[in-house]
Structures are given as C-alpha cells and as structure tokens.
C-alpha cells in the first residue's frame, strides 16, 4: 500500500511540536474545532534551538513566538499526535509560518519526524507579546506540565519584553 493511501486513512496522524499559544489545548481547540486534550502526548524538548518573539502578528497585534537554531540551547513545548484531517486547519492557524521537520524528545523517547512551525520572515529583533498572548502561552506551558524553571524563564522573558516596549492593545 502506498504511503499516500495510508496518509488518507481515517487513522492517519502526525506529530506536532507546539511551543507557543498552541501549547494550550483549549486555545488550539478554538482553531481546530474539537477538543485536543486527548491528542497531547506530553511535554517535549527541542534541542539546539532557542525561543524568541521574531514576528509581529497582525491578527494578534503583538509579537509571537518562533524557534531558531541555536546549538547548546533547548526549547520546551508540547508534543501532540494530531489526525491528518486537522492539518489544513493547523496550517491556516499558523499563517506567516511554514512547516519545519524536527526531532524532539518526549517521555524519554525521540520523535524524529515531528512537525513544528517556524516564522517565514523573521525579524532581527524581538517584539513583546500582548497580555492575552502572554497568558495563553503560560497557561499552555503550565497545563501541559512543562518544567517549572522553564515556565519561570518564559514568564521573565515575556515580562522583560513588555517592560522594554510600549504596551500593546490586547
């Protein structure tokens, strides 16, 4: 059987590493139209990347997260196993980003063929998130069990950006 036929089967799925607002299953449900809690595999780590707010989202009117290669650093996030039928909705949500295949570690196991999204036109500087984006990113990180120290690092990074830049409207 060809892989194209397998990909079209009702049970076909793909792994997705979320590191921003999509870490929050409740927020992801808003875009995908169904509960995503059952699709959470667990907290995951993307090695040799770092997080940054290198894109201004016009839809959200603030800086939004991106990952960029950076040897020796790592990004925590959430690994989902999503049905293929949700792929077009996820692509639509991730406007301004493109698919990028990465390998992540989750529950002590490597997931070599995992989709994540990276910004297409990266800025050379970071833009602060607004309060809504700040809250949903932290809610996702906490809900899905990312390490407490990482959650605090994320909090301090976002707070520092907000203090450096005039506040954005939510």
C-alpha atoms as a PDB file:
ATOM      1  CA  UNK A   1       0.000   0.000   0.000  1.00  0.00           C
ATOM      2  CA  UNK A   2       1.400   3.418  -0.907  1.00  0.00           C
ATOM      3  CA  UNK A   3       2.119   5.950   1.824  1.00  0.00           C
ATOM      4  CA  UNK A   4      -0.328   8.386   0.157  1.00  0.00           C
ATOM      5  CA  UNK A   5      -3.161   5.930   0.732  1.00  0.00           C
ATOM      6  CA  UNK A   6      -2.019   5.392   4.310  1.00  0.00           C
ATOM      7  CA  UNK A   7      -1.922   9.166   4.905  1.00  0.00           C
ATOM      8  CA  UNK A   8      -5.540   9.409   3.773  1.00  0.00           C
ATOM      9  CA  UNK A   9      -6.823   6.703   6.106  1.00  0.00           C
ATOM     10  CA  UNK A  10      -9.094   7.865   8.939  1.00  0.00           C
ATOM     11  CA  UNK A  11      -6.494   6.757  11.498  1.00  0.00           C
ATOM     12  CA  UNK A  12      -3.544   8.600   9.902  1.00  0.00           C
ATOM     13  CA  UNK A  13      -1.840  11.101  12.180  1.00  0.00           C
ATOM     14  CA  UNK A  14       1.248  13.275  12.515  1.00  0.00           C
ATOM     15  CA  UNK A  15       3.315  14.528  15.415  1.00  0.00           C
ATOM     16  CA  UNK A  16       3.262  18.242  16.095  1.00  0.00           C
ATOM     17  CA  UNK A  17       5.561  20.158  18.472  1.00  0.00           C
ATOM     18  CA  UNK A  18       3.916  23.306  19.857  1.00  0.00           C
ATOM     19  CA  UNK A  19       5.992  25.898  21.704  1.00  0.00           C
ATOM     20  CA  UNK A  20       3.722  28.985  21.705  1.00  0.00           C
ATOM     21  CA  UNK A  21      -0.009  29.547  22.085  1.00  0.00           C
ATOM     22  CA  UNK A  22      -0.753  26.090  20.626  1.00  0.00           C
ATOM     23  CA  UNK A  23       0.685  24.537  23.796  1.00  0.00           C
ATOM     24  CA  UNK A  24      -2.680  25.376  25.336  1.00  0.00           C
ATOM     25  CA  UNK A  25      -5.144  22.664  24.267  1.00  0.00           C
ATOM     26  CA  UNK A  26      -8.087  24.969  24.984  1.00  0.00           C
ATOM     27  CA  UNK A  27      -6.728  27.636  22.640  1.00  0.00           C
ATOM     28  CA  UNK A  28      -5.827  25.057  19.981  1.00  0.00           C
ATOM     29  CA  UNK A  29      -9.419  23.791  20.120  1.00  0.00           C
ATOM     30  CA  UNK A  30     -10.545  27.264  19.054  1.00  0.00           C
ATOM     31  CA  UNK A  31      -8.793  26.833  15.702  1.00  0.00           C
ATOM     32  CA  UNK A  32      -9.225  23.104  15.144  1.00  0.00           C
ATOM     33  CA  UNK A  33     -12.870  22.921  16.149  1.00  0.00           C
ATOM     34  CA  UNK A  34     -12.561  19.998  18.536  1.00  0.00           C
ATOM     35  CA  UNK A  35     -11.044  19.150  21.887  1.00  0.00           C
ATOM     36  CA  UNK A  36      -7.316  18.496  21.612  1.00  0.00           C
ATOM     37  CA  UNK A  37      -6.618  17.249  25.162  1.00  0.00           C
ATOM     38  CA  UNK A  38      -6.719  13.615  24.006  1.00  0.00           C
ATOM     39  CA  UNK A  39      -4.051  14.356  21.388  1.00  0.00           C
ATOM     40  CA  UNK A  40      -1.435  15.534  23.902  1.00  0.00           C
ATOM     41  CA  UNK A  41       1.461  13.068  24.067  1.00  0.00           C
ATOM     42  CA  UNK A  42       3.304  15.077  26.712  1.00  0.00           C
ATOM     43  CA  UNK A  43       5.948  17.690  27.436  1.00  0.00           C
ATOM     44  CA  UNK A  44       8.743  17.619  24.866  1.00  0.00           C
ATOM     45  CA  UNK A  45      12.153  19.154  24.283  1.00  0.00           C
ATOM     46  CA  UNK A  46      13.575  20.539  21.045  1.00  0.00           C
ATOM     47  CA  UNK A  47      17.374  20.532  21.312  1.00  0.00           C
ATOM     48  CA  UNK A  48      19.682  23.098  19.703  1.00  0.00           C
ATOM     49  CA  UNK A  49      17.012  25.774  19.267  1.00  0.00           C
ATOM     50  CA  UNK A  50      16.009  28.870  21.175  1.00  0.00           C
ATOM     51  CA  UNK A  51      12.752  30.715  21.549  1.00  0.00           C
ATOM     52  CA  UNK A  52      12.155  34.306  20.511  1.00  0.00           C
ATOM     53  CA  UNK A  53       9.451  36.768  19.505  1.00  0.00           C
ATOM     54  CA  UNK A  54      10.731  37.363  15.966  1.00  0.00           C
ATOM     55  CA  UNK A  55       7.382  38.043  14.284  1.00  0.00           C
ATOM     56  CA  UNK A  56       4.638  40.622  14.673  1.00  0.00           C
ATOM     57  CA  UNK A  57       1.231  39.027  14.258  1.00  0.00           C
ATOM     58  CA  UNK A  58      -1.179  41.487  12.698  1.00  0.00           C
ATOM     59  CA  UNK A  59      -4.094  39.275  13.741  1.00  0.00           C
ATOM     60  CA  UNK A  60      -2.995  39.365  17.401  1.00  0.00           C
ATOM     61  CA  UNK A  61      -1.361  42.805  17.234  1.00  0.00           C
ATOM     62  CA  UNK A  62       1.754  41.700  19.116  1.00  0.00           C
ATOM     63  CA  UNK A  63       4.948  39.713  18.997  1.00  0.00           C
ATOM     64  CA  UNK A  64       4.519  35.946  18.669  1.00  0.00           C
ATOM     65  CA  UNK A  65       6.907  33.094  19.294  1.00  0.00           C
ATOM     66  CA  UNK A  66       9.313  31.465  16.904  1.00  0.00           C
ATOM     67  CA  UNK A  67      12.148  28.959  17.247  1.00  0.00           C
ATOM     68  CA  UNK A  68      15.570  29.477  15.701  1.00  0.00           C
ATOM     69  CA  UNK A  69      18.571  27.147  15.567  1.00  0.00           C
ATOM     70  CA  UNK A  70      20.961  27.767  18.443  1.00  0.00           C
ATOM     71  CA  UNK A  71      23.442  24.995  19.370  1.00  0.00           C
ATOM     72  CA  UNK A  72      23.513  24.156  23.049  1.00  0.00           C
ATOM     73  CA  UNK A  73      20.087  25.606  23.856  1.00  0.00           C
ATOM     74  CA  UNK A  74      16.718  23.907  24.048  1.00  0.00           C
ATOM     75  CA  UNK A  75      13.051  24.779  23.841  1.00  0.00           C
ATOM     76  CA  UNK A  76      10.343  23.038  25.830  1.00  0.00           C
ATOM     77  CA  UNK A  77       6.902  22.557  24.385  1.00  0.00           C
ATOM     78  CA  UNK A  78       4.056  20.122  23.938  1.00  0.00           C
ATOM     79  CA  UNK A  79       4.013  17.122  21.618  1.00  0.00           C
ATOM     80  CA  UNK A  80       0.657  16.336  20.025  1.00  0.00           C
ATOM     81  CA  UNK A  81      -0.361  13.410  17.853  1.00  0.00           C
ATOM     82  CA  UNK A  82      -2.965  15.010  15.586  1.00  0.00           C
ATOM     83  CA  UNK A  83      -5.194  13.395  12.959  1.00  0.00           C
ATOM     84  CA  UNK A  84      -4.190  14.328   9.396  1.00  0.00           C
ATOM     85  CA  UNK A  85      -7.654  15.756   8.832  1.00  0.00           C
ATOM     86  CA  UNK A  86      -6.686  18.644  11.157  1.00  0.00           C
ATOM     87  CA  UNK A  87      -3.541  19.534   9.193  1.00  0.00           C
ATOM     88  CA  UNK A  88      -5.197  22.162   6.914  1.00  0.00           C
ATOM     89  CA  UNK A  89      -6.764  23.912   9.933  1.00  0.00           C
ATOM     90  CA  UNK A  90      -3.414  23.965  11.736  1.00  0.00           C
ATOM     91  CA  UNK A  91      -1.722  25.402   8.624  1.00  0.00           C
ATOM     92  CA  UNK A  92      -4.405  28.088   8.467  1.00  0.00           C
ATOM     93  CA  UNK A  93      -3.858  28.982  12.125  1.00  0.00           C
ATOM     94  CA  UNK A  94      -0.093  29.170  11.591  1.00  0.00           C
ATOM     95  CA  UNK A  95      -0.295  31.886   8.929  1.00  0.00           C
ATOM     96  CA  UNK A  96       3.115  33.520   8.473  1.00  0.00           C
ATOM     97  CA  UNK A  97       4.880  30.275   9.425  1.00  0.00           C
ATOM     98  CA  UNK A  98       5.958  27.231   7.432  1.00  0.00           C
ATOM     99  CA  UNK A  99       6.335  23.541   8.291  1.00  0.00           C
ATOM    100  CA  UNK A 100       9.692  22.538   9.618  1.00  0.00           C
ATOM    101  CA  UNK A 101      10.559  18.937  10.448  1.00  0.00           C
ATOM    102  CA  UNK A 102      12.383  18.456  13.745  1.00  0.00           C
ATOM    103  CA  UNK A 103      13.270  15.733  16.199  1.00  0.00           C
ATOM    104  CA  UNK A 104      12.015  16.129  19.765  1.00  0.00           C
ATOM    105  CA  UNK A 105      12.382  14.128  22.948  1.00  0.00           C
ATOM    106  CA  UNK A 106       9.198  13.254  24.870  1.00  0.00           C
ATOM    107  CA  UNK A 107       8.890  10.886  27.818  1.00  0.00           C
ATOM    108  CA  UNK A 108      12.451   9.681  27.203  1.00  0.00           C
ATOM    109  CA  UNK A 109      11.711   8.742  23.592  1.00  0.00           C
ATOM    110  CA  UNK A 110      12.872  10.507  20.407  1.00  0.00           C
ATOM    111  CA  UNK A 111      10.256  11.530  17.837  1.00  0.00           C
ATOM    112  CA  UNK A 112      12.367  12.048  14.715  1.00  0.00           C
ATOM    113  CA  UNK A 113       9.680  13.128  12.262  1.00  0.00           C
ATOM    114  CA  UNK A 114       7.819  15.884  14.065  1.00  0.00           C
ATOM    115  CA  UNK A 115       6.226  18.945  12.528  1.00  0.00           C
ATOM    116  CA  UNK A 116       6.716  22.354  14.014  1.00  0.00           C
ATOM    117  CA  UNK A 117       6.277  25.789  12.506  1.00  0.00           C
ATOM    118  CA  UNK A 118       8.912  28.480  12.067  1.00  0.00           C
ATOM    119  CA  UNK A 119       8.466  32.087  11.013  1.00  0.00           C
ATOM    120  CA  UNK A 120       8.923  32.691   7.290  1.00  0.00           C
ATOM    121  CA  UNK A 121      10.126  36.311   7.538  1.00  0.00           C
ATOM    122  CA  UNK A 122      11.998  36.610  10.823  1.00  0.00           C
ATOM    123  CA  UNK A 123      12.724  39.998  12.343  1.00  0.00           C
ATOM    124  CA  UNK A 124      16.230  40.699  13.634  1.00  0.00           C
ATOM    125  CA  UNK A 125      14.782  41.872  16.969  1.00  0.00           C
ATOM    126  CA  UNK A 126      12.052  40.711  19.345  1.00  0.00           C
ATOM    127  CA  UNK A 127       8.606  42.254  19.742  1.00  0.00           C
ATOM    128  CA  UNK A 128       6.727  41.996  23.043  1.00  0.00           C
ATOM    129  CA  UNK A 129       3.638  39.812  23.350  1.00  0.00           C
ATOM    130  CA  UNK A 130       0.381  41.394  24.462  1.00  0.00           C
ATOM    131  CA  UNK A 131      -1.243  40.316  27.728  1.00  0.00           C
ATOM    132  CA  UNK A 132      -3.598  37.846  26.032  1.00  0.00           C
ATOM    133  CA  UNK A 133      -0.770  36.017  24.208  1.00  0.00           C
ATOM    134  CA  UNK A 134       1.397  36.129  27.356  1.00  0.00           C
ATOM    135  CA  UNK A 135      -1.395  34.461  29.349  1.00  0.00           C
ATOM    136  CA  UNK A 136      -2.268  31.764  26.810  1.00  0.00           C
ATOM    137  CA  UNK A 137       1.387  30.750  26.356  1.00  0.00           C
ATOM    138  CA  UNK A 138       1.897  30.429  30.118  1.00  0.00           C
ATOM    139  CA  UNK A 139      -1.431  28.620  30.565  1.00  0.00           C
ATOM    140  CA  UNK A 140      -0.367  26.069  27.952  1.00  0.00           C
ATOM    141  CA  UNK A 141       3.069  25.603  29.500  1.00  0.00           C
ATOM    142  CA  UNK A 142       1.604  25.047  32.957  1.00  0.00           C
ATOM    143  CA  UNK A 143      -1.370  22.934  31.836  1.00  0.00           C
ATOM    144  CA  UNK A 144       0.821  20.526  29.894  1.00  0.00           C
ATOM    145  CA  UNK A 145       3.406  20.123  32.629  1.00  0.00           C
ATOM    146  CA  UNK A 146       6.482  21.900  31.328  1.00  0.00           C
ATOM    147  CA  UNK A 147       9.264  22.204  33.935  1.00  0.00           C
ATOM    148  CA  UNK A 148       8.599  24.914  36.494  1.00  0.00           C
ATOM    149  CA  UNK A 149      12.001  26.523  35.921  1.00  0.00           C
ATOM    150  CA  UNK A 150      11.260  26.793  32.192  1.00  0.00           C
ATOM    151  CA  UNK A 151       7.842  28.334  32.893  1.00  0.00           C
ATOM    152  CA  UNK A 152       9.529  30.955  35.084  1.00  0.00           C
ATOM    153  CA  UNK A 153      12.153  31.651  32.368  1.00  0.00           C
ATOM    154  CA  UNK A 154       9.356  32.082  29.838  1.00  0.00           C
ATOM    155  CA  UNK A 155       7.459  34.378  32.192  1.00  0.00           C
ATOM    156  CA  UNK A 156      10.515  36.564  32.847  1.00  0.00           C
ATOM    157  CA  UNK A 157      11.431  36.755  29.152  1.00  0.00           C
ATOM    158  CA  UNK A 158       7.936  37.883  28.136  1.00  0.00           C
ATOM    159  CA  UNK A 159       7.694  40.316  31.063  1.00  0.00           C
ATOM    160  CA  UNK A 160      11.083  41.849  30.205  1.00  0.00           C
ATOM    161  CA  UNK A 161       9.998  42.376  26.584  1.00  0.00           C
ATOM    162  CA  UNK A 162       6.774  44.038  27.731  1.00  0.00           C
ATOM    163  CA  UNK A 163       8.730  46.385  30.004  1.00  0.00           C
ATOM    164  CA  UNK A 164      11.065  47.395  27.168  1.00  0.00           C
ATOM    165  CA  UNK A 165       8.334  48.153  24.665  1.00  0.00           C
ATOM    166  CA  UNK A 166       5.200  50.297  24.965  1.00  0.00           C
ATOM    167  CA  UNK A 167       2.238  48.106  25.911  1.00  0.00           C
ATOM    168  CA  UNK A 168       0.276  46.593  23.034  1.00  0.00           C
ATOM    169  CA  UNK A 169      -3.518  46.564  22.956  1.00  0.00           C
ATOM    170  CA  UNK A 170      -4.917  43.081  23.648  1.00  0.00           C
END
